[in-house]
Amino acid sequence: MNVHPHSHPRKVISPQGEVLNVPENWALLEPGDATLTRRVKAAGPTWTVKQKKGRRIISLGVWADKETIETERLRLLVERQDPAYKKRLQSGRDRRAKQEANYAVEFRQQVLDFLNFHSGYDTLAQELATRIADHAVPVGSGTVARTQRIPVEKRAEAATIAWMRHQTTAYDTMYIPRVKGQRRETRRRLAAESKRLLNTYRQGLATDPHTCPLQQALAPNQDNHQPTPPPPKQSQLEL
């Protein structure tokens, strides 16, 4: 059962708002060991203490029978000392690392497909896709690239627009009134501006690297990436 914390260290609040006393033979298993927590929950009745912080819901630990916690902790300790367990653990890490590497490649390609720049701007598109993927893909980044709720192509589109909002507009320093819907409307307007800018490169139109916010964001003094080459001349583009 999920419960809410109480000011008293041995009390919790039920989902119905009732104050419950923690059984005397129970102890609080603090968060941090997912495997141990999972096994304790499977072994018997537990209360999971959850608290909302902003938009996130975090676990403060699990109340469970003290003997159950210690028994499962000891079993897990013995298991983890077995060389076979360490081998399985490393195998799992290697598998996840490979999956992440494959996803990074796939996501970058999806960004490139969304950009769909004119061939004359291919180098810029490649650099931009790398920047976006490097920012969005890593585990723990908290970006849309890590969600499973929408198709990967939609994740790539959303990540591109988000990157451009922060890198090519004044969004991060912009004053936005604390009015319901105002921030969403501002993001919608900036997204439309970003899409118009992207269309410039999709159509192969000539741009000034000194005034274009996208090329300014990709300038070499912004990070350690290689310099963006000068844009192709209008006459050189395959229109």
C-alpha atoms as a PDB file:
ATOM      1  CA  MET A   1       0.000   0.000   0.000  1.00  0.00           C
ATOM      2  CA  ASN A   2       1.199   3.498  -0.807  1.00  0.00           C
ATOM      3  CA  VAL A   3       1.019   5.978   2.065  1.00  0.00           C
ATOM      4  CA  HIS A   4       1.998   9.571   2.757  1.00  0.00           C
ATOM      5  CA  PRO A   5       4.537  10.730   5.367  1.00  0.00           C
ATOM      6  CA  HIS A   6       3.446  12.053   8.766  1.00  0.00           C
ATOM      7  CA  SER A   7       5.270  14.457  11.061  1.00  0.00           C
ATOM      8  CA  HIS A   8       5.523  11.666  13.639  1.00  0.00           C
ATOM      9  CA  PRO A   9       8.369   9.247  12.768  1.00  0.00           C
ATOM     10  CA  ARG A  10       6.228   6.139  13.462  1.00  0.00           C
ATOM     11  CA  LYS A  11       3.040   7.260  11.755  1.00  0.00           C
ATOM     12  CA  VAL A  12       1.842   7.512   8.157  1.00  0.00           C
ATOM     13  CA  ILE A  13      -1.223   8.784   6.352  1.00  0.00           C
ATOM     14  CA  SER A  14      -3.331   6.378   4.292  1.00  0.00           C
ATOM     15  CA  PRO A  15      -4.667   7.266   0.821  1.00  0.00           C
ATOM     16  CA  GLN A  16      -8.011   7.943   2.538  1.00  0.00           C
ATOM     17  CA  GLY A  17      -6.396  10.444   4.910  1.00  0.00           C
ATOM     18  CA  GLU A  18      -6.413   8.198   7.964  1.00  0.00           C
ATOM     19  CA  VAL A  19      -3.434   8.402  10.351  1.00  0.00           C
ATOM     20  CA  LEU A  20      -1.935   4.936  10.825  1.00  0.00           C
ATOM     21  CA  ASN A  21       0.494   3.767  13.475  1.00  0.00           C
ATOM     22  CA  VAL A  22       3.424   1.772  12.133  1.00  0.00           C
ATOM     23  CA  PRO A  23       3.460  -1.753  13.666  1.00  0.00           C
ATOM     24  CA  GLU A  24       6.052  -2.149  16.422  1.00  0.00           C
ATOM     25  CA  ASN A  25       7.902  -4.959  14.645  1.00  0.00           C
ATOM     26  CA  TRP A  26       8.259  -2.952  11.421  1.00  0.00           C
ATOM     27  CA  ALA A  27      11.284  -0.965  10.285  1.00  0.00           C
ATOM     28  CA  LEU A  28      11.813   1.563   7.516  1.00  0.00           C
ATOM     29  CA  LEU A  29      13.836   0.311   4.570  1.00  0.00           C
ATOM     30  CA  GLU A  30      15.357   3.425   3.053  1.00  0.00           C
ATOM     31  CA  PRO A  31      15.443   3.838  -0.737  1.00  0.00           C
ATOM     32  CA  GLY A  32      18.621   3.131  -2.673  1.00  0.00           C
ATOM     33  CA  ASP A  33      18.681  -0.622  -3.217  1.00  0.00           C
ATOM     34  CA  ALA A  34      16.013  -1.404  -5.789  1.00  0.00           C
ATOM     35  CA  THR A  35      16.582  -5.164  -5.705  1.00  0.00           C
ATOM     36  CA  LEU A  36      16.266  -5.388  -1.923  1.00  0.00           C
ATOM     37  CA  THR A  37      13.183  -3.180  -1.952  1.00  0.00           C
ATOM     38  CA  ARG A  38      11.551  -5.307  -4.623  1.00  0.00           C
ATOM     39  CA  ARG A  39      12.203  -8.524  -2.683  1.00  0.00           C
ATOM     40  CA  VAL A  40      10.953  -7.105   0.602  1.00  0.00           C
ATOM     41  CA  LYS A  41       7.738  -6.002  -1.082  1.00  0.00           C
ATOM     42  CA  ALA A  42       7.276  -9.464  -2.567  1.00  0.00           C
ATOM     43  CA  ALA A  43       7.849 -11.156   0.801  1.00  0.00           C
ATOM     44  CA  GLY A  44       4.941  -9.668   2.706  1.00  0.00           C
ATOM     45  CA  PRO A  45       2.754  -6.645   3.491  1.00  0.00           C
ATOM     46  CA  THR A  46       4.502  -3.284   3.180  1.00  0.00           C
ATOM     47  CA  TRP A  47       3.751   0.420   3.212  1.00  0.00           C
ATOM     48  CA  THR A  48       5.576   2.501   0.630  1.00  0.00           C
ATOM     49  CA  VAL A  49       5.967   6.105   1.760  1.00  0.00           C
ATOM     50  CA  LYS A  50       5.635   8.486  -1.174  1.00  0.00           C
ATOM     51  CA  GLN A  51       5.778  12.254  -1.291  1.00  0.00           C
ATOM     52  CA  LYS A  52       5.093  14.705  -4.085  1.00  0.00           C
ATOM     53  CA  LYS A  53       7.797  17.277  -4.799  1.00  0.00           C
ATOM     54  CA  GLY A  54       6.834  19.605  -7.592  1.00  0.00           C
ATOM     55  CA  ARG A  55       5.737  17.373 -10.449  1.00  0.00           C
ATOM     56  CA  ARG A  56       7.706  14.401  -9.185  1.00  0.00           C
ATOM     57  CA  ILE A  57       6.603  11.706  -6.758  1.00  0.00           C
ATOM     58  CA  ILE A  58       9.514  10.302  -4.781  1.00  0.00           C
ATOM     59  CA  SER A  59       9.789   7.312  -2.443  1.00  0.00           C
ATOM     60  CA  LEU A  60      10.917   7.955   1.112  1.00  0.00           C
ATOM     61  CA  GLY A  61      11.268   4.255   1.872  1.00  0.00           C
ATOM     62  CA  VAL A  62       9.279   1.143   2.637  1.00  0.00           C
ATOM     63  CA  TRP A  63       7.887   0.103   6.007  1.00  0.00           C
ATOM     64  CA  ALA A  64       8.011  -3.673   6.437  1.00  0.00           C
ATOM     65  CA  ASP A  65       8.568  -6.413   8.998  1.00  0.00           C
ATOM     66  CA  LYS A  66      12.031  -5.956  10.486  1.00  0.00           C
ATOM     67  CA  GLU A  67      12.908  -9.666  10.270  1.00  0.00           C
ATOM     68  CA  THR A  68      11.814  -9.776   6.628  1.00  0.00           C
ATOM     69  CA  ILE A  69      14.076  -6.861   5.783  1.00  0.00           C
ATOM     70  CA  GLU A  70      17.084  -8.412   7.513  1.00  0.00           C
ATOM     71  CA  THR A  71      16.444 -11.859   6.029  1.00  0.00           C
ATOM     72  CA  GLU A  72      16.202 -10.532   2.482  1.00  0.00           C
ATOM     73  CA  ARG A  73      19.213  -8.280   3.045  1.00  0.00           C
ATOM     74  CA  LEU A  74      21.321 -11.265   4.168  1.00  0.00           C
ATOM     75  CA  ARG A  75      20.143 -13.438   1.278  1.00  0.00           C
ATOM     76  CA  LEU A  76      20.985 -10.724  -1.183  1.00  0.00           C
ATOM     77  CA  LEU A  77      24.409 -10.176   0.403  1.00  0.00           C
ATOM     78  CA  VAL A  78      25.282 -13.883   0.038  1.00  0.00           C
ATOM     79  CA  GLU A  79      23.962 -13.902  -3.509  1.00  0.00           C
ATOM     80  CA  ARG A  80      25.974 -10.855  -4.490  1.00  0.00           C
ATOM     81  CA  GLN A  81      29.193 -12.482  -3.279  1.00  0.00           C
ATOM     82  CA  ASP A  82      28.690 -15.340  -5.729  1.00  0.00           C
ATOM     83  CA  PRO A  83      30.886 -14.920  -8.851  1.00  0.00           C
ATOM     84  CA  ALA A  84      27.945 -16.046 -10.993  1.00  0.00           C
ATOM     85  CA  TYR A  85      25.890 -13.124  -9.715  1.00  0.00           C
ATOM     86  CA  LYS A  86      28.653 -10.670 -10.568  1.00  0.00           C
ATOM     87  CA  LYS A  87      28.880 -12.185 -14.029  1.00  0.00           C
ATOM     88  CA  ARG A  88      25.130 -11.803 -14.569  1.00  0.00           C
ATOM     89  CA  LEU A  89      25.296  -8.256 -13.245  1.00  0.00           C
ATOM     90  CA  GLN A  90      28.068  -7.320 -15.667  1.00  0.00           C
ATOM     91  CA  SER A  91      26.242  -9.034 -18.503  1.00  0.00           C
ATOM     92  CA  GLY A  92      23.181  -6.925 -17.747  1.00  0.00           C
ATOM     93  CA  ARG A  93      25.256  -3.768 -17.690  1.00  0.00           C
ATOM     94  CA  ASP A  94      26.849  -4.627 -21.023  1.00  0.00           C
ATOM     95  CA  ARG A  95      23.447  -5.359 -22.546  1.00  0.00           C
ATOM     96  CA  ARG A  96      22.001  -2.060 -21.350  1.00  0.00           C
ATOM     97  CA  ALA A  97      25.053  -0.153 -22.565  1.00  0.00           C
ATOM     98  CA  LYS A  98      24.643  -1.698 -26.019  1.00  0.00           C
ATOM     99  CA  GLN A  99      20.953  -0.841 -26.041  1.00  0.00           C
ATOM    100  CA  GLU A 100      21.722   2.762 -25.098  1.00  0.00           C
ATOM    101  CA  ALA A 101      24.373   3.029 -27.810  1.00  0.00           C
ATOM    102  CA  ASN A 102      21.944   1.686 -30.406  1.00  0.00           C
ATOM    103  CA  TYR A 103      19.245   4.074 -29.226  1.00  0.00           C
ATOM    104  CA  ALA A 104      21.616   7.026 -29.462  1.00  0.00           C
ATOM    105  CA  VAL A 105      22.322   6.165 -33.106  1.00  0.00           C
ATOM    106  CA  GLU A 106      18.638   5.648 -33.867  1.00  0.00           C
ATOM    107  CA  PHE A 107      17.593   8.866 -32.141  1.00  0.00           C
ATOM    108  CA  ARG A 108      20.212  10.937 -33.952  1.00  0.00           C
ATOM    109  CA  GLN A 109      18.981   9.551 -37.273  1.00  0.00           C
ATOM    110  CA  GLN A 110      15.407  10.408 -36.345  1.00  0.00           C
ATOM    111  CA  VAL A 111      16.519  13.982 -35.633  1.00  0.00           C
ATOM    112  CA  LEU A 112      18.221  14.120 -39.022  1.00  0.00           C
ATOM    113  CA  ASP A 113      15.056  12.848 -40.685  1.00  0.00           C
ATOM    114  CA  PHE A 114      12.997  15.523 -38.948  1.00  0.00           C
ATOM    115  CA  LEU A 115      15.465  18.278 -39.878  1.00  0.00           C
ATOM    116  CA  ASN A 116      15.418  17.209 -43.536  1.00  0.00           C
ATOM    117  CA  PHE A 117      17.807  20.015 -44.484  1.00  0.00           C
ATOM    118  CA  HIS A 118      18.694  20.756 -48.080  1.00  0.00           C
ATOM    119  CA  SER A 119      21.790  18.839 -49.197  1.00  0.00           C
ATOM    120  CA  GLY A 120      23.767  22.077 -49.218  1.00  0.00           C
ATOM    121  CA  TYR A 121      23.320  22.252 -45.460  1.00  0.00           C
ATOM    122  CA  ASP A 122      24.084  18.611 -44.737  1.00  0.00           C
ATOM    123  CA  THR A 123      27.165  19.376 -42.616  1.00  0.00           C
ATOM    124  CA  LEU A 124      25.174  21.762 -40.461  1.00  0.00           C
ATOM    125  CA  ALA A 125      22.366  19.215 -40.120  1.00  0.00           C
ATOM    126  CA  GLN A 126      24.831  16.528 -39.035  1.00  0.00           C
ATOM    127  CA  GLU A 127      26.308  18.810 -36.389  1.00  0.00           C
ATOM    128  CA  LEU A 128      22.911  19.930 -35.137  1.00  0.00           C
ATOM    129  CA  ALA A 129      21.655  16.339 -34.866  1.00  0.00           C
ATOM    130  CA  THR A 130      24.739  15.415 -32.844  1.00  0.00           C
ATOM    131  CA  ARG A 131      24.243  18.334 -30.467  1.00  0.00           C
ATOM    132  CA  ILE A 132      20.594  17.475 -29.881  1.00  0.00           C
ATOM    133  CA  ALA A 133      21.217  13.747 -29.416  1.00  0.00           C
ATOM    134  CA  ASP A 134      24.156  14.324 -27.069  1.00  0.00           C
ATOM    135  CA  HIS A 135      21.951  16.502 -24.893  1.00  0.00           C
ATOM    136  CA  ALA A 136      18.712  14.519 -24.995  1.00  0.00           C
ATOM    137  CA  VAL A 137      19.660  10.838 -25.069  1.00  0.00           C
ATOM    138  CA  PRO A 138      21.734  10.203 -21.889  1.00  0.00           C
ATOM    139  CA  VAL A 139      19.972   8.281 -19.126  1.00  0.00           C
ATOM    140  CA  GLY A 140      18.811  10.669 -16.424  1.00  0.00           C
ATOM    141  CA  SER A 141      18.667  13.675 -18.760  1.00  0.00           C
ATOM    142  CA  GLY A 142      14.962  14.023 -18.039  1.00  0.00           C
ATOM    143  CA  THR A 143      14.264  15.004 -21.639  1.00  0.00           C
ATOM    144  CA  VAL A 144      11.517  13.878 -23.973  1.00  0.00           C
ATOM    145  CA  ALA A 145      13.999  11.488 -25.589  1.00  0.00           C
ATOM    146  CA  ARG A 146      13.737   9.256 -22.519  1.00  0.00           C
ATOM    147  CA  THR A 147       9.966   8.827 -22.604  1.00  0.00           C
ATOM    148  CA  GLN A 148       8.294   5.737 -24.003  1.00  0.00           C
ATOM    149  CA  ARG A 149       4.853   7.312 -24.258  1.00  0.00           C
ATOM    150  CA  ILE A 150       5.266   8.643 -27.796  1.00  0.00           C
ATOM    151  CA  PRO A 151       6.937   7.228 -30.946  1.00  0.00           C
ATOM    152  CA  VAL A 152      10.639   7.890 -31.365  1.00  0.00           C
ATOM    153  CA  GLU A 153      10.064  10.166 -34.361  1.00  0.00           C
ATOM    154  CA  LYS A 154       7.852  12.394 -32.208  1.00  0.00           C
ATOM    155  CA  ARG A 155      10.481  12.371 -29.470  1.00  0.00           C
ATOM    156  CA  ALA A 156      13.075  13.550 -32.000  1.00  0.00           C
ATOM    157  CA  GLU A 157      10.834  16.370 -33.181  1.00  0.00           C
ATOM    158  CA  ALA A 158      10.044  17.498 -29.635  1.00  0.00           C
ATOM    159  CA  ALA A 159      13.710  17.319 -28.589  1.00  0.00           C
ATOM    160  CA  THR A 160      14.727  19.411 -31.598  1.00  0.00           C
ATOM    161  CA  ILE A 161      12.168  22.111 -30.864  1.00  0.00           C
ATOM    162  CA  ALA A 162      13.127  22.100 -27.172  1.00  0.00           C
ATOM    163  CA  TRP A 163      16.836  22.438 -27.998  1.00  0.00           C
ATOM    164  CA  MET A 164      16.129  25.338 -30.331  1.00  0.00           C
ATOM    165  CA  ARG A 165      13.888  27.018 -27.759  1.00  0.00           C
ATOM    166  CA  HIS A 166      16.771  27.125 -25.288  1.00  0.00           C
ATOM    167  CA  GLN A 167      19.604  27.734 -27.766  1.00  0.00           C
ATOM    168  CA  THR A 168      18.176  30.020 -30.473  1.00  0.00           C
ATOM    169  CA  THR A 169      15.613  32.110 -28.582  1.00  0.00           C
ATOM    170  CA  ALA A 170      15.582  34.281 -25.465  1.00  0.00           C
ATOM    171  CA  TYR A 171      13.313  31.812 -23.649  1.00  0.00           C
ATOM    172  CA  ASP A 172      15.695  31.171 -20.739  1.00  0.00           C
ATOM    173  CA  THR A 173      15.889  34.870 -19.841  1.00  0.00           C
ATOM    174  CA  MET A 174      12.414  35.852 -20.947  1.00  0.00           C
ATOM    175  CA  TYR A 175       9.930  37.246 -18.426  1.00  0.00           C
ATOM    176  CA  ILE A 176       6.722  35.244 -18.607  1.00  0.00           C
ATOM    177  CA  PRO A 177       3.781  36.448 -16.475  1.00  0.00           C
ATOM    178  CA  ARG A 178       2.509  33.888 -13.974  1.00  0.00           C
ATOM    179  CA  VAL A 179      -0.806  33.576 -15.767  1.00  0.00           C
ATOM    180  CA  LYS A 180      -2.374  30.209 -16.471  1.00  0.00           C
ATOM    181  CA  GLY A 181      -1.527  29.097 -19.990  1.00  0.00           C
ATOM    182  CA  GLN A 182       0.947  31.928 -20.621  1.00  0.00           C
ATOM    183  CA  ARG A 183       4.071  29.740 -20.547  1.00  0.00           C
ATOM    184  CA  ARG A 184       2.445  27.205 -22.845  1.00  0.00           C
ATOM    185  CA  GLU A 185       1.445  29.940 -25.267  1.00  0.00           C
ATOM    186  CA  THR A 186       4.985  31.361 -25.198  1.00  0.00           C
ATOM    187  CA  ARG A 187       6.455  27.943 -25.958  1.00  0.00           C
ATOM    188  CA  ARG A 188       3.948  27.465 -28.785  1.00  0.00           C
ATOM    189  CA  ARG A 189       4.924  30.803 -30.324  1.00  0.00           C
ATOM    190  CA  LEU A 190       8.647  30.078 -30.037  1.00  0.00           C
ATOM    191  CA  ALA A 191       8.116  26.618 -31.532  1.00  0.00           C
ATOM    192  CA  ALA A 192       6.478  28.237 -34.557  1.00  0.00           C
ATOM    193  CA  GLU A 193       9.497  30.544 -34.920  1.00  0.00           C
ATOM    194  CA  SER A 194      11.864  27.583 -34.701  1.00  0.00           C
ATOM    195  CA  LYS A 195       9.949  25.708 -37.380  1.00  0.00           C
ATOM    196  CA  ARG A 196      10.081  28.721 -39.678  1.00  0.00           C
ATOM    197  CA  LEU A 197      13.837  28.868 -39.161  1.00  0.00           C
ATOM    198  CA  LEU A 198      14.197  25.170 -39.913  1.00  0.00           C
ATOM    199  CA  ASN A 199      12.198  25.616 -43.114  1.00  0.00           C
ATOM    200  CA  THR A 200      14.799  28.119 -44.281  1.00  0.00           C
ATOM    201  CA  TYR A 201      17.385  25.341 -44.249  1.00  0.00           C
ATOM    202  CA  ARG A 202      14.997  22.780 -45.695  1.00  0.00           C
ATOM    203  CA  GLN A 203      14.407  25.038 -48.684  1.00  0.00           C
ATOM    204  CA  GLY A 204      18.119  25.700 -49.105  1.00  0.00           C
ATOM    205  CA  LEU A 205      17.815  29.466 -48.762  1.00  0.00           C
ATOM    206  CA  ALA A 206      20.976  31.487 -48.146  1.00  0.00           C
ATOM    207  CA  THR A 207      21.531  32.584 -44.536  1.00  0.00           C
ATOM    208  CA  ASP A 208      23.920  34.953 -42.794  1.00  0.00           C
ATOM    209  CA  PRO A 209      25.977  33.037 -40.185  1.00  0.00           C
ATOM    210  CA  HIS A 210      26.502  36.295 -38.264  1.00  0.00           C
ATOM    211  CA  THR A 211      22.791  36.901 -37.716  1.00  0.00           C
ATOM    212  CA  CYS A 212      21.185  33.473 -37.949  1.00  0.00           C
ATOM    213  CA  PRO A 213      20.410  32.309 -34.371  1.00  0.00           C
ATOM    214  CA  LEU A 214      20.875  28.671 -35.324  1.00  0.00           C
ATOM    215  CA  GLN A 215      24.356  29.142 -36.704  1.00  0.00           C
ATOM    216  CA  GLN A 216      25.196  31.390 -33.770  1.00  0.00           C
ATOM    217  CA  ALA A 217      24.175  28.592 -31.409  1.00  0.00           C
ATOM    218  CA  LEU A 218      26.403  26.165 -33.309  1.00  0.00           C
ATOM    219  CA  ALA A 219      29.362  28.544 -33.391  1.00  0.00           C
ATOM    220  CA  PRO A 220      32.649  26.962 -32.188  1.00  0.00           C
ATOM    221  CA  ASN A 221      32.913  29.198 -29.116  1.00  0.00           C
ATOM    222  CA  GLN A 222      29.674  27.725 -27.765  1.00  0.00           C
ATOM    223  CA  ASP A 223      31.188  24.299 -27.003  1.00  0.00           C
ATOM    224  CA  ASN A 224      33.827  21.831 -28.128  1.00  0.00           C
ATOM    225  CA  HIS A 225      32.260  20.840 -31.438  1.00  0.00           C
ATOM    226  CA  GLN A 226      33.986  21.606 -34.715  1.00  0.00           C
ATOM    227  CA  PRO A 227      33.158  24.927 -36.370  1.00  0.00           C
ATOM    228  CA  THR A 228      30.123  25.100 -38.588  1.00  0.00           C
ATOM    229  CA  PRO A 229      31.252  25.655 -42.193  1.00  0.00           C
ATOM    230  CA  PRO A 230      29.985  28.751 -44.003  1.00  0.00           C
ATOM    231  CA  PRO A 231      26.562  28.278 -45.615  1.00  0.00           C
ATOM    232  CA  PRO A 232      26.426  27.478 -49.349  1.00  0.00           C
ATOM    233  CA  LYS A 233      25.756  30.260 -51.787  1.00  0.00           C
ATOM    234  CA  GLN A 234      22.298  30.430 -53.315  1.00  0.00           C
ATOM    235  CA  SER A 235      23.666  29.609 -56.750  1.00  0.00           C
ATOM    236  CA  GLN A 236      25.316  26.439 -55.459  1.00  0.00           C
ATOM    237  CA  LEU A 237      22.155  24.969 -53.986  1.00  0.00           C
ATOM    238  CA  GLU A 238      20.118  22.366 -55.817  1.00  0.00           C
ATOM    239  CA  LEU A 239      16.801  24.129 -55.871  1.00  0.00           C
END
